[in-house]
PDB file of all heavy atoms in Angstrom:
ATOM      1  N   GLY A   1      87.220 165.414 108.432  1.00  0.00           N
ATOM      2  CA  GLY A   1      87.124 166.783 107.965  1.00  0.00           C
ATOM      3  C   GLY A   1      85.707 167.129 107.549  1.00  0.00           C
ATOM      4  O   GLY A   1      84.844 166.264 107.412  1.00  0.00           O
ATOM      5  N   GLY A   2      85.471 168.412 107.356  1.00  0.00           N
ATOM      6  CA  GLY A   2      84.161 168.850 106.948  1.00  0.00           C
ATOM      7  C   GLY A   2      83.976 170.336 107.121  1.00  0.00           C
ATOM      8  O   GLY A   2      84.937 171.084 107.318  1.00  0.00           O
ATOM      9  N   LEU A   3      82.733 170.758 107.047  1.00  0.00           N
ATOM     10  CA  LEU A   3      82.356 172.156 107.192  1.00  0.00           C
ATOM     11  C   LEU A   3      81.817 172.394 108.589  1.00  0.00           C
ATOM     12  O   LEU A   3      80.942 171.656 109.060  1.00  0.00           O
ATOM     13  CB  LEU A   3      81.308 172.526 106.148  1.00  0.00           C
ATOM     14  CG  LEU A   3      80.706 173.922 106.228  1.00  0.00           C
ATOM     15  CD1 LEU A   3      81.765 174.984 105.968  1.00  0.00           C
ATOM     16  CD2 LEU A   3      79.553 174.050 105.242  1.00  0.00           C
ATOM     17  N   VAL A   4      82.334 173.422 109.236  1.00  0.00           N
ATOM     18  CA  VAL A   4      81.903 173.749 110.589  1.00  0.00           C
ATOM     19  C   VAL A   4      81.858 175.264 110.743  1.00  0.00           C
ATOM     20  O   VAL A   4      82.613 175.991 110.095  1.00  0.00           O
ATOM     21  CB  VAL A   4      82.845 173.115 111.635  1.00  0.00           C
ATOM     22  CG1 VAL A   4      84.248 173.701 111.529  1.00  0.00           C
ATOM     23  CG2 VAL A   4      82.286 173.261 113.034  1.00  0.00           C
ATOM     24  N   GLN A   5      80.956 175.737 111.584  1.00  0.00           N
ATOM     25  CA  GLN A   5      80.859 177.165 111.843  1.00  0.00           C
ATOM     26  C   GLN A   5      81.950 177.629 112.797  1.00  0.00           C
ATOM     27  O   GLN A   5      82.474 176.836 113.589  1.00  0.00           O
ATOM     28  CB  GLN A   5      79.490 177.501 112.428  1.00  0.00           C
ATOM     29  CG  GLN A   5      78.336 177.288 111.467  1.00  0.00           C
ATOM     30  CD  GLN A   5      77.017 177.770 112.027  1.00  0.00           C
ATOM     31  OE1 GLN A   5      76.913 178.122 113.196  1.00  0.00           O
ATOM     32  NE2 GLN A   5      76.000 177.802 111.186  1.00  0.00           N
ATOM     33  N   PRO A   6      82.322 178.903 112.728  1.00  0.00           N
ATOM     34  CA  PRO A   6      83.289 179.422 113.695  1.00  0.00           C
ATOM     35  C   PRO A   6      82.854 179.136 115.122  1.00  0.00           C
ATOM     36  O   PRO A   6      81.681 179.270 115.473  1.00  0.00           O
ATOM     37  CB  PRO A   6      83.299 180.924 113.406  1.00  0.00           C
ATOM     38  CG  PRO A   6      82.918 181.021 111.963  1.00  0.00           C
ATOM     39  CD  PRO A   6      81.911 179.923 111.749  1.00  0.00           C
ATOM     40  N   GLY A   7      83.824 178.736 115.933  1.00  0.00           N
ATOM     41  CA  GLY A   7      83.538 178.361 117.304  1.00  0.00           C
ATOM     42  C   GLY A   7      83.198 176.902 117.485  1.00  0.00           C
ATOM     43  O   GLY A   7      83.120 176.425 118.628  1.00  0.00           O
ATOM     44  N   GLY A   8      83.015 176.204 116.393  1.00  0.00           N
ATOM     45  CA  GLY A   8      82.679 174.799 116.450  1.00  0.00           C
ATOM     46  C   GLY A   8      83.890 173.922 116.655  1.00  0.00           C
ATOM     47  O   GLY A   8      85.005 174.391 116.877  1.00  0.00           O
ATOM     48  N   ALA A   9      83.667 172.622 116.555  1.00  0.00           N
ATOM     49  CA  ALA A   9      84.720 171.652 116.809  1.00  0.00           C
ATOM     50  C   ALA A   9      84.667 170.517 115.807  1.00  0.00           C
ATOM     51  O   ALA A   9      83.604 170.157 115.305  1.00  0.00           O
ATOM     52  CB  ALA A   9      84.605 171.091 118.227  1.00  0.00           C
ATOM     53  N   LEU A  10      85.821 169.971 115.524  1.00  0.00           N
ATOM     54  CA  LEU A  10      85.960 168.786 114.701  1.00  0.00           C
ATOM     55  C   LEU A  10      87.040 167.900 115.294  1.00  0.00           C
ATOM     56  O   LEU A  10      87.962 168.389 115.950  1.00  0.00           O
ATOM     57  CB  LEU A  10      86.348 169.141 113.262  1.00  0.00           C
ATOM     58  CG  LEU A  10      85.284 169.718 112.333  1.00  0.00           C
ATOM     59  CD1 LEU A  10      85.932 170.129 111.013  1.00  0.00           C
ATOM     60  CD2 LEU A  10      84.175 168.712 112.084  1.00  0.00           C
ATOM     61  N   ARG A  11      86.926 166.614 115.025  1.00  0.00           N
ATOM     62  CA  ARG A  11      87.951 165.678 115.435  1.00  0.00           C
ATOM     63  C   ARG A  11      88.424 164.931 114.201  1.00  0.00           C
ATOM     64  O   ARG A  11      87.641 164.226 113.554  1.00  0.00           O
ATOM     65  CB  ARG A  11      87.434 164.699 116.482  1.00  0.00           C
ATOM     66  CG  ARG A  11      88.528 163.810 117.082  1.00  0.00           C
ATOM     67  CD  ARG A  11      87.981 162.917 118.184  1.00  0.00           C
ATOM     68  NE  ARG A  11      89.026 162.140 118.839  1.00  0.00           N
ATOM     69  CZ  ARG A  11      89.706 162.533 119.900  1.00  0.00           C
ATOM     70  NH1 ARG A  11      89.444 163.718 120.461  1.00  0.00           N
ATOM     71  NH2 ARG A  11      90.639 161.753 120.438  1.00  0.00           N
ATOM     72  N   LEU A  12      89.694 165.108 113.881  1.00  0.00           N
ATOM     73  CA  LEU A  12      90.303 164.408 112.771  1.00  0.00           C
ATOM     74  C   LEU A  12      90.963 163.133 113.268  1.00  0.00           C
ATOM     75  O   LEU A  12      91.497 163.091 114.376  1.00  0.00           O
ATOM     76  CB  LEU A  12      91.350 165.276 112.083  1.00  0.00           C
ATOM     77  CG  LEU A  12      90.905 166.653 111.593  1.00  0.00           C
ATOM     78  CD1 LEU A  12      92.054 167.352 110.881  1.00  0.00           C
ATOM     79  CD2 LEU A  12      89.692 166.540 110.684  1.00  0.00           C
ATOM     80  N   SER A  13      90.934 162.123 112.432  1.00  0.00           N
ATOM     81  CA  SER A  13      91.556 160.864 112.784  1.00  0.00           C
ATOM     82  C   SER A  13      92.419 160.379 111.638  1.00  0.00           C
ATOM     83  O   SER A  13      92.058 160.521 110.472  1.00  0.00           O
ATOM     84  CB  SER A  13      90.496 159.811 113.125  1.00  0.00           C
ATOM     85  OG  SER A  13      91.095 158.602 113.546  1.00  0.00           O
ATOM     86  N   CYS A  14      93.548 159.825 111.975  1.00  0.00           N
ATOM     87  CA  CYS A  14      94.469 159.258 111.002  1.00  0.00           C
ATOM     88  C   CYS A  14      94.726 157.809 111.369  1.00  0.00           C
ATOM     89  O   CYS A  14      95.091 157.509 112.511  1.00  0.00           O
ATOM     90  CB  CYS A  14      95.776 160.049 110.997  1.00  0.00           C
ATOM     91  SG  CYS A  14      97.104 159.307 110.015  1.00  0.00           S
ATOM     92  N   THR A  15      94.531 156.938 110.402  1.00  0.00           N
ATOM     93  CA  THR A  15      94.771 155.518 110.613  1.00  0.00           C
ATOM     94  C   THR A  15      95.970 155.078 109.784  1.00  0.00           C
ATOM     95  O   THR A  15      96.006 155.297 108.573  1.00  0.00           O
ATOM     96  CB  THR A  15      93.545 154.687 110.234  1.00  0.00           C
ATOM     97  OG1 THR A  15      92.428 155.087 111.034  1.00  0.00           O
ATOM     98  CG2 THR A  15      93.813 153.208 110.472  1.00  0.00           C
ATOM     99  N   ALA A  16      96.934 154.479 110.432  1.00  0.00           N
ATOM    100  CA  ALA A  16      98.135 154.006 109.772  1.00  0.00           C
ATOM    101  C   ALA A  16      98.003 152.533 109.407  1.00  0.00           C
ATOM    102  O   ALA A  16      97.344 151.763 110.112  1.00  0.00           O
ATOM    103  CB  ALA A  16      99.353 154.211 110.660  1.00  0.00           C
ATOM    104  N   SER A  17      98.644 152.154 108.321  1.00  0.00           N
ATOM    105  CA  SER A  17      98.553 150.784 107.832  1.00  0.00           C
ATOM    106  C   SER A  17      99.464 149.826 108.573  1.00  0.00           C
ATOM    107  O   SER A  17      99.322 148.609 108.431  1.00  0.00           O
ATOM    108  CB  SER A  17      98.877 150.747 106.338  1.00  0.00           C
ATOM    109  OG  SER A  17     100.206 151.176 106.100  1.00  0.00           O
ATOM    110  N   THR A  18     100.397 150.356 109.328  1.00  0.00           N
ATOM    111  CA  THR A  18     101.327 149.542 110.092  1.00  0.00           C
ATOM    112  C   THR A  18     101.422 150.085 111.500  1.00  0.00           C
ATOM    113  O   THR A  18     100.892 151.149 111.817  1.00  0.00           O
ATOM    114  CB  THR A  18     102.724 149.529 109.452  1.00  0.00           C
ATOM    115  OG1 THR A  18     103.249 150.862 109.408  1.00  0.00           O
ATOM    116  CG2 THR A  18     102.678 148.971 108.040  1.00  0.00           C
ATOM    117  N   SER A  19     102.128 149.374 112.340  1.00  0.00           N
ATOM    118  CA  SER A  19     102.345 149.833 113.706  1.00  0.00           C
ATOM    119  C   SER A  19     103.109 151.148 113.699  1.00  0.00           C
ATOM    120  O   SER A  19     104.083 151.312 112.956  1.00  0.00           O
ATOM    121  CB  SER A  19     103.123 148.784 114.497  1.00  0.00           C
ATOM    122  OG  SER A  19     102.411 147.567 114.591  1.00  0.00           O
ATOM    123  N   ILE A  20     102.664 152.078 114.525  1.00  0.00           N
ATOM    124  CA  ILE A  20     103.334 153.372 114.591  1.00  0.00           C
ATOM    125  C   ILE A  20     104.301 153.463 115.763  1.00  0.00           C
ATOM    126  O   ILE A  20     105.129 154.375 115.821  1.00  0.00           O
ATOM    127  CB  ILE A  20     102.324 154.532 114.652  1.00  0.00           C
ATOM    128  CG1 ILE A  20     101.432 154.415 115.895  1.00  0.00           C
ATOM    129  CG2 ILE A  20     101.484 154.561 113.379  1.00  0.00           C
ATOM    130  CD1 ILE A  20     100.515 155.607 116.095  1.00  0.00           C
ATOM    131  N   PHE A  21     104.195 152.544 116.689  1.00  0.00           N
ATOM    132  CA  PHE A  21     105.104 152.512 117.822  1.00  0.00           C
ATOM    133  C   PHE A  21     105.979 151.278 117.745  1.00  0.00           C
ATOM    134  O   PHE A  21     105.466 150.176 117.509  1.00  0.00           O
ATOM    135  CB  PHE A  21     104.326 152.525 119.137  1.00  0.00           C
ATOM    136  CG  PHE A  21     105.198 152.560 120.359  1.00  0.00           C
ATOM    137  CD1 PHE A  21     105.659 153.760 120.860  1.00  0.00           C
ATOM    138  CD2 PHE A  21     105.570 151.383 120.992  1.00  0.00           C
ATOM    139  CE1 PHE A  21     106.473 153.796 121.985  1.00  0.00           C
ATOM    140  CE2 PHE A  21     106.384 151.402 122.114  1.00  0.00           C
ATOM    141  CZ  PHE A  21     106.837 152.619 122.612  1.00  0.00           C
ATOM    142  N   PRO A  22     107.283 151.443 117.944  1.00  0.00           N
ATOM    143  CA  PRO A  22     108.025 152.664 118.272  1.00  0.00           C
ATOM    144  C   PRO A  22     108.641 153.356 117.074  1.00  0.00           C
ATOM    145  O   PRO A  22     109.477 154.243 117.240  1.00  0.00           O
ATOM    146  CB  PRO A  22     109.112 152.115 119.190  1.00  0.00           C
ATOM    147  CG  PRO A  22     109.466 150.799 118.570  1.00  0.00           C
ATOM    148  CD  PRO A  22     108.163 150.243 118.049  1.00  0.00           C
ATOM    149  N   THR A  23     108.210 153.010 115.867  1.00  0.00           N
ATOM    150  CA  THR A  23     108.930 153.390 114.656  1.00  0.00           C
ATOM    151  C   THR A  23     108.744 154.846 114.257  1.00  0.00           C
ATOM    152  O   THR A  23     109.648 155.443 113.667  1.00  0.00           O
ATOM    153  CB  THR A  23     108.508 152.493 113.484  1.00  0.00           C
ATOM    154  OG1 THR A  23     108.656 151.124 113.872  1.00  0.00           O
ATOM    155  CG2 THR A  23     109.352 152.754 112.250  1.00  0.00           C
ATOM    156  N   TYR A  24     107.586 155.440 114.568  1.00  0.00           N
ATOM    157  CA  TYR A  24     107.241 156.733 113.994  1.00  0.00           C
ATOM    158  C   TYR A  24     106.887 157.797 115.019  1.00  0.00           C
ATOM    159  O   TYR A  24     106.170 157.538 115.988  1.00  0.00           O
ATOM    160  CB  TYR A  24     106.046 156.587 113.044  1.00  0.00           C
ATOM    161  CG  TYR A  24     106.306 155.705 111.858  1.00  0.00           C
ATOM    162  CD1 TYR A  24     105.900 154.380 111.850  1.00  0.00           C
ATOM    163  CD2 TYR A  24     106.961 156.211 110.740  1.00  0.00           C
ATOM    164  CE1 TYR A  24     106.142 153.569 110.756  1.00  0.00           C
ATOM    165  CE2 TYR A  24     107.208 155.403 109.642  1.00  0.00           C
ATOM    166  CZ  TYR A  24     106.795 154.081 109.657  1.00  0.00           C
ATOM    167  OH  TYR A  24     107.036 153.280 108.563  1.00  0.00           O
ATOM    168  N   HIS A  25     107.386 158.998 114.767  1.00  0.00           N
ATOM    169  CA  HIS A  25     106.776 160.204 115.305  1.00  0.00           C
ATOM    170  C   HIS A  25     105.590 160.537 114.391  1.00  0.00           C
ATOM    171  O   HIS A  25     105.634 160.276 113.192  1.00  0.00           O
ATOM    172  CB  HIS A  25     107.742 161.379 115.324  1.00  0.00           C
ATOM    173  CG  HIS A  25     108.919 161.207 116.234  1.00  0.00           C
ATOM    174  ND1 HIS A  25     108.832 160.602 117.462  1.00  0.00           N
ATOM    175  CD2 HIS A  25     110.218 161.583 116.090  1.00  0.00           C
ATOM    176  CE1 HIS A  25     110.032 160.600 118.038  1.00  0.00           C
ATOM    177  NE2 HIS A  25     110.881 161.189 117.230  1.00  0.00           N
ATOM    178  N   MET A  26     104.561 161.131 114.948  1.00  0.00           N
ATOM    179  CA  MET A  26     103.350 161.415 114.197  1.00  0.00           C
ATOM    180  C   MET A  26     102.970 162.882 114.330  1.00  0.00           C
ATOM    181  O   MET A  26     103.417 163.583 115.238  1.00  0.00           O
ATOM    182  CB  MET A  26     102.188 160.546 114.687  1.00  0.00           C
ATOM    183  CG  MET A  26     102.463 159.051 114.678  1.00  0.00           C
ATOM    184  SD  MET A  26     102.767 158.396 113.008  1.00  0.00           S
ATOM    185  CE  MET A  26     101.158 158.662 112.252  1.00  0.00           C
ATOM    186  N   GLY A  27     102.123 163.329 113.416  1.00  0.00           N
ATOM    187  CA  GLY A  27     101.685 164.707 113.510  1.00  0.00           C
ATOM    188  C   GLY A  27     100.626 165.070 112.496  1.00  0.00           C
ATOM    189  O   GLY A  27     100.173 164.241 111.703  1.00  0.00           O
ATOM    190  N   TRP A  28     100.234 166.317 112.585  1.00  0.00           N
ATOM    191  CA  TRP A  28      99.284 166.899 111.648  1.00  0.00           C
ATOM    192  C   TRP A  28      99.863 168.193 111.091  1.00  0.00           C
ATOM    193  O   TRP A  28     100.392 169.019 111.847  1.00  0.00           O
ATOM    194  CB  TRP A  28      97.939 167.198 112.321  1.00  0.00           C
ATOM    195  CG  TRP A  28      97.152 165.975 112.661  1.00  0.00           C
ATOM    196  CD1 TRP A  28      97.174 165.274 113.816  1.00  0.00           C
ATOM    197  CD2 TRP A  28      96.207 165.320 111.813  1.00  0.00           C
ATOM    198  NE1 TRP A  28      96.315 164.213 113.756  1.00  0.00           N
ATOM    199  CE2 TRP A  28      95.701 164.212 112.535  1.00  0.00           C
ATOM    200  CE3 TRP A  28      95.737 165.545 110.522  1.00  0.00           C
ATOM    201  CZ2 TRP A  28      94.756 163.340 112.010  1.00  0.00           C
ATOM    202  CZ3 TRP A  28      94.795 164.683 109.989  1.00  0.00           C
ATOM    203  CH2 TRP A  28      94.313 163.600 110.732  1.00  0.00           C
ATOM    204  N   TYR A  29      99.785 168.335 109.799  1.00  0.00           N
ATOM    205  CA  TYR A  29     100.125 169.559 109.101  1.00  0.00           C
ATOM    206  C   TYR A  29      98.873 170.079 108.416  1.00  0.00           C
ATOM    207  O   TYR A  29      97.879 169.359 108.271  1.00  0.00           O
ATOM    208  CB  TYR A  29     101.219 169.315 108.056  1.00  0.00           C
ATOM    209  CG  TYR A  29     102.627 169.179 108.593  1.00  0.00           C
ATOM    210  CD1 TYR A  29     102.980 168.127 109.422  1.00  0.00           C
ATOM    211  CD2 TYR A  29     103.612 170.103 108.240  1.00  0.00           C
ATOM    212  CE1 TYR A  29     104.275 167.997 109.898  1.00  0.00           C
ATOM    213  CE2 TYR A  29     104.907 169.976 108.705  1.00  0.00           C
ATOM    214  CZ  TYR A  29     105.234 168.923 109.533  1.00  0.00           C
ATOM    215  OH  TYR A  29     106.523 168.799 109.990  1.00  0.00           O
ATOM    216  N   ARG A  30      98.949 171.324 107.967  1.00  0.00           N
ATOM    217  CA  ARG A  30      97.842 171.867 107.194  1.00  0.00           C
ATOM    218  C   ARG A  30      98.374 172.812 106.138  1.00  0.00           C
ATOM    219  O   ARG A  30      99.457 173.379 106.267  1.00  0.00           O
ATOM    220  CB  ARG A  30      96.826 172.584 108.083  1.00  0.00           C
ATOM    221  CG  ARG A  30      97.325 173.876 108.719  1.00  0.00           C
ATOM    222  CD  ARG A  30      96.282 174.425 109.682  1.00  0.00           C
ATOM    223  NE  ARG A  30      96.705 175.672 110.292  1.00  0.00           N
ATOM    224  CZ  ARG A  30      96.059 176.283 111.277  1.00  0.00           C
ATOM    225  NH1 ARG A  30      94.942 175.752 111.762  1.00  0.00           N
ATOM    226  NH2 ARG A  30      96.522 177.427 111.771  1.00  0.00           N
ATOM    227  N   GLN A  31      97.592 172.964 105.086  1.00  0.00           N
ATOM    228  CA  GLN A  31      97.955 173.870 104.013  1.00  0.00           C
ATOM    229  C   GLN A  31      96.723 174.642 103.574  1.00  0.00           C
ATOM    230  O   GLN A  31      95.761 174.056 103.078  1.00  0.00           O
ATOM    231  CB  GLN A  31      98.553 173.111 102.829  1.00  0.00           C
ATOM    232  CG  GLN A  31      99.090 174.015 101.738  1.00  0.00           C
ATOM    233  CD  GLN A  31      99.947 173.269 100.734  1.00  0.00           C
ATOM    234  OE1 GLN A  31      99.861 172.056 100.606  1.00  0.00           O
ATOM    235  NE2 GLN A  31     100.794 173.994 100.026  1.00  0.00           N
ATOM    236  N   ALA A  32      96.769 175.941 103.781  1.00  0.00           N
ATOM    237  CA  ALA A  32      95.700 176.824 103.356  1.00  0.00           C
ATOM    238  C   ALA A  32      95.974 177.297 101.937  1.00  0.00           C
ATOM    239  O   ALA A  32      97.123 177.280 101.476  1.00  0.00           O
ATOM    240  CB  ALA A  32      95.590 178.015 104.306  1.00  0.00           C
ATOM    241  N   PRO A  33      94.942 177.737 101.220  1.00  0.00           N
ATOM    242  CA  PRO A  33      95.149 178.217  99.854  1.00  0.00           C
ATOM    243  C   PRO A  33      96.197 179.318  99.781  1.00  0.00           C
ATOM    244  O   PRO A  33      96.158 180.285 100.544  1.00  0.00           O
ATOM    245  CB  PRO A  33      93.765 178.737  99.459  1.00  0.00           C
ATOM    246  CG  PRO A  33      92.818 177.948 100.293  1.00  0.00           C
ATOM    247  CD  PRO A  33      93.524 177.765 101.609  1.00  0.00           C
ATOM    248  N   GLY A  34      97.145 179.155  98.877  1.00  0.00           N
ATOM    249  CA  GLY A  34      98.173 180.151  98.679  1.00  0.00           C
ATOM    250  C   GLY A  34      99.266 180.172  99.718  1.00  0.00           C
ATOM    251  O   GLY A  34     100.121 181.063  99.682  1.00  0.00           O
ATOM    252  N   LYS A  35      99.266 179.215 100.627  1.00  0.00           N
ATOM    253  CA  LYS A  35     100.265 179.185 101.679  1.00  0.00           C
ATOM    254  C   LYS A  35     101.003 177.855 101.690  1.00  0.00           C
ATOM    255  O   LYS A  35     100.539 176.868 101.129  1.00  0.00           O
ATOM    256  CB  LYS A  35      99.614 179.431 103.045  1.00  0.00           C
ATOM    257  CG  LYS A  35      98.959 180.796 103.185  1.00  0.00           C
ATOM    258  CD  LYS A  35      98.425 181.010 104.583  1.00  0.00           C
ATOM    259  CE  LYS A  35      97.817 182.390 104.731  1.00  0.00           C
ATOM    260  NZ  LYS A  35      97.302 182.617 106.103  1.00  0.00           N
ATOM    261  N   GLN A  36     102.157 177.852 102.336  1.00  0.00           N
ATOM    262  CA  GLN A  36     102.930 176.633 102.464  1.00  0.00           C
ATOM    263  C   GLN A  36     102.317 175.714 103.510  1.00  0.00           C
ATOM    264  O   GLN A  36     101.619 176.164 104.426  1.00  0.00           O
ATOM    265  CB  GLN A  36     104.374 176.944 102.860  1.00  0.00           C
ATOM    266  CG  GLN A  36     105.185 177.666 101.808  1.00  0.00           C
ATOM    267  CD  GLN A  36     106.655 177.676 102.150  1.00  0.00           C
ATOM    268  OE1 GLN A  36     107.330 176.638 102.105  1.00  0.00           O
ATOM    269  NE2 GLN A  36     107.160 178.843 102.500  1.00  0.00           N
ATOM    270  N   ARG A  37     102.597 174.447 103.357  1.00  0.00           N
ATOM    271  CA  ARG A  37     102.177 173.493 104.360  1.00  0.00           C
ATOM    272  C   ARG A  37     102.932 173.773 105.658  1.00  0.00           C
ATOM    273  O   ARG A  37     104.144 173.978 105.654  1.00  0.00           O
ATOM    274  CB  ARG A  37     102.447 172.073 103.875  1.00  0.00           C
ATOM    275  CG  ARG A  37     101.853 170.992 104.748  1.00  0.00           C
ATOM    276  CD  ARG A  37     102.047 169.608 104.132  1.00  0.00           C
ATOM    277  NE  ARG A  37     101.416 169.492 102.824  1.00  0.00           N
ATOM    278  CZ  ARG A  37     101.370 168.366 102.128  1.00  0.00           C
ATOM    279  NH1 ARG A  37     101.912 167.251 102.602  1.00  0.00           N
ATOM    280  NH2 ARG A  37     100.780 168.360 100.934  1.00  0.00           N
ATOM    281  N   GLU A  38     102.209 173.778 106.763  1.00  0.00           N
ATOM    282  CA  GLU A  38     102.809 174.117 108.037  1.00  0.00           C
ATOM    283  C   GLU A  38     102.441 173.084 109.097  1.00  0.00           C
ATOM    284  O   GLU A  38     101.353 172.501 109.065  1.00  0.00           O
ATOM    285  CB  GLU A  38     102.349 175.506 108.504  1.00  0.00           C
ATOM    286  CG  GLU A  38     100.855 175.599 108.753  1.00  0.00           C
ATOM    287  CD  GLU A  38     100.419 176.959 109.265  1.00  0.00           C
ATOM    288  OE1 GLU A  38     101.273 177.857 109.383  1.00  0.00           O
ATOM    289  OE2 GLU A  38      99.218 177.130 109.543  1.00  0.00           O
ATOM    290  N   PRO A  39     103.333 172.863 110.037  1.00  0.00           N
ATOM    291  CA  PRO A  39     103.013 171.934 111.124  1.00  0.00           C
ATOM    292  C   PRO A  39     101.975 172.525 112.051  1.00  0.00           C
ATOM    293  O   PRO A  39     102.020 173.714 112.389  1.00  0.00           O
ATOM    294  CB  PRO A  39     104.350 171.736 111.831  1.00  0.00           C
ATOM    295  CG  PRO A  39     105.119 172.983 111.532  1.00  0.00           C
ATOM    296  CD  PRO A  39     104.705 173.395 110.150  1.00  0.00           C
ATOM    297  N   VAL A  40     101.043 171.702 112.453  1.00  0.00           N
ATOM    298  CA  VAL A  40     100.001 172.091 113.393  1.00  0.00           C
ATOM    299  C   VAL A  40     100.278 171.509 114.768  1.00  0.00           C
ATOM    300  O   VAL A  40     100.251 172.213 115.775  1.00  0.00           O
ATOM    301  CB  VAL A  40      98.618 171.646 112.902  1.00  0.00           C
ATOM    302  CG1 VAL A  40      97.540 171.982 113.930  1.00  0.00           C
ATOM    303  CG2 VAL A  40      98.297 172.293 111.560  1.00  0.00           C
ATOM    304  N   ALA A  41     100.532 170.218 114.804  1.00  0.00           N
ATOM    305  CA  ALA A  41     100.786 169.536 116.056  1.00  0.00           C
ATOM    306  C   ALA A  41     101.592 168.283 115.788  1.00  0.00           C
ATOM    307  O   ALA A  41     101.344 167.582 114.813  1.00  0.00           O
ATOM    308  CB  ALA A  41      99.481 169.179 116.772  1.00  0.00           C
ATOM    309  N   LEU A  42     102.539 168.011 116.659  1.00  0.00           N
ATOM    310  CA  LEU A  42     103.376 166.834 116.542  1.00  0.00           C
ATOM    311  C   LEU A  42     103.339 166.060 117.848  1.00  0.00           C
ATOM    312  O   LEU A  42     103.213 166.648 118.926  1.00  0.00           O
ATOM    313  CB  LEU A  42     104.823 167.221 116.217  1.00  0.00           C
ATOM    314  CG  LEU A  42     105.051 168.007 114.927  1.00  0.00           C
ATOM    315  CD1 LEU A  42     106.497 168.469 114.837  1.00  0.00           C
ATOM    316  CD2 LEU A  42     104.691 167.166 113.712  1.00  0.00           C
TER     317      LEU A  42
END
């Protein structure tokens, strides 16, 4: 994560402490100020 200008790009990475296959579905959620956490990608 970080600060980026509009039109820019970022790559987020998540590292799990255990094997994620085949045990887990994975995804990314986000929460903006004053809003509920919402799914971004699964």
